[in-house]
C-alpha atoms as a PDB file:
ATOM      1  CA  UNK A   1     -16.098 -30.014  39.566  1.00  0.00           C
ATOM      2  CA  UNK A   2     -12.467 -30.323  40.630  1.00  0.00           C
ATOM      3  CA  UNK A   3     -11.170 -30.178  37.032  1.00  0.00           C
ATOM      4  CA  UNK A   4     -13.086 -26.955  36.410  1.00  0.00           C
ATOM      5  CA  UNK A   5     -11.557 -25.319  39.496  1.00  0.00           C
ATOM      6  CA  UNK A   6      -8.071 -26.382  38.415  1.00  0.00           C
ATOM      7  CA  UNK A   7      -8.652 -25.031  34.897  1.00  0.00           C
ATOM      8  CA  UNK A   8      -9.915 -21.693  36.258  1.00  0.00           C
ATOM      9  CA  UNK A   9      -6.918 -21.443  38.573  1.00  0.00           C
ATOM     10  CA  UNK A  10      -4.629 -22.238  35.641  1.00  0.00           C
ATOM     11  CA  UNK A  11      -6.152 -19.413  33.606  1.00  0.00           C
ATOM     12  CA  UNK A  12      -5.749 -16.997  36.526  1.00  0.00           C
ATOM     13  CA  UNK A  13      -2.085 -18.006  36.824  1.00  0.00           C
ATOM     14  CA  UNK A  14      -1.481 -17.664  33.071  1.00  0.00           C
ATOM     15  CA  UNK A  15      -2.853 -14.121  32.719  1.00  0.00           C
ATOM     16  CA  UNK A  16      -0.144 -12.348  34.812  1.00  0.00           C
ATOM     17  CA  UNK A  17       2.570 -14.499  33.217  1.00  0.00           C
ATOM     18  CA  UNK A  18       1.380 -13.521  29.724  1.00  0.00           C
ATOM     19  CA  UNK A  19       1.162  -9.890  30.848  1.00  0.00           C
ATOM     20  CA  UNK A  20       4.729  -9.968  32.142  1.00  0.00           C
ATOM     21  CA  UNK A  21       5.893 -11.581  28.886  1.00  0.00           C
ATOM     22  CA  UNK A  22       4.241  -8.827  26.846  1.00  0.00           C
ATOM     23  CA  UNK A  23       5.853  -6.152  29.034  1.00  0.00           C
ATOM     24  CA  UNK A  24       9.259  -7.840  28.722  1.00  0.00           C
ATOM     25  CA  UNK A  25       8.952  -8.052  24.916  1.00  0.00           C
ATOM     26  CA  UNK A  26       7.972  -4.380  24.699  1.00  0.00           C
ATOM     27  CA  UNK A  27      10.831  -3.534  27.069  1.00  0.00           C
ATOM     28  CA  UNK A  28      13.375  -5.307  24.863  1.00  0.00           C
ATOM     29  CA  UNK A  29      11.968  -3.685  21.712  1.00  0.00           C
ATOM     30  CA  UNK A  30      12.038  -0.294  23.420  1.00  0.00           C
ATOM     31  CA  UNK A  31      15.725  -0.639  24.301  1.00  0.00           C
ATOM     32  CA  UNK A  32      16.843  -1.887  20.909  1.00  0.00           C
ATOM     33  CA  UNK A  33      14.889   0.700  18.867  1.00  0.00           C
ATOM     34  CA  UNK A  34      15.151   4.385  19.856  1.00  0.00           C
ATOM     35  CA  UNK A  35      11.644   5.702  20.373  1.00  0.00           C
ATOM     36  CA  UNK A  36      10.309   2.162  20.063  1.00  0.00           C
ATOM     37  CA  UNK A  37       9.382   2.045  23.741  1.00  0.00           C
ATOM     38  CA  UNK A  38       6.995   4.994  23.448  1.00  0.00           C
ATOM     39  CA  UNK A  39       5.462   3.486  20.307  1.00  0.00           C
ATOM     40  CA  UNK A  40       4.921   0.158  22.053  1.00  0.00           C
ATOM     41  CA  UNK A  41       3.372   1.885  25.075  1.00  0.00           C
ATOM     42  CA  UNK A  42       1.045   3.756  22.707  1.00  0.00           C
ATOM     43  CA  UNK A  43       0.031   0.525  20.970  1.00  0.00           C
ATOM     44  CA  UNK A  44      -0.430  -1.180  24.360  1.00  0.00           C
ATOM     45  CA  UNK A  45      -2.787   1.568  25.566  1.00  0.00           C
ATOM     46  CA  UNK A  46      -4.709   1.460  22.264  1.00  0.00           C
ATOM     47  CA  UNK A  47      -4.943  -2.322  22.586  1.00  0.00           C
ATOM     48  CA  UNK A  48      -6.352  -1.999  26.118  1.00  0.00           C
ATOM     49  CA  UNK A  49      -9.166   0.343  24.973  1.00  0.00           C
END
């Protein structure tokens, strides 16, 4: 019972961290490639649908 709660909490903690990582990667790509930021935002919104 306790292990399951810890695992679920771990997943909940990991999701925002992974989300922030994705945003940071897209941010870096957007800065290094002109127009890359808009492309990455487009692919992110397509990925979410």
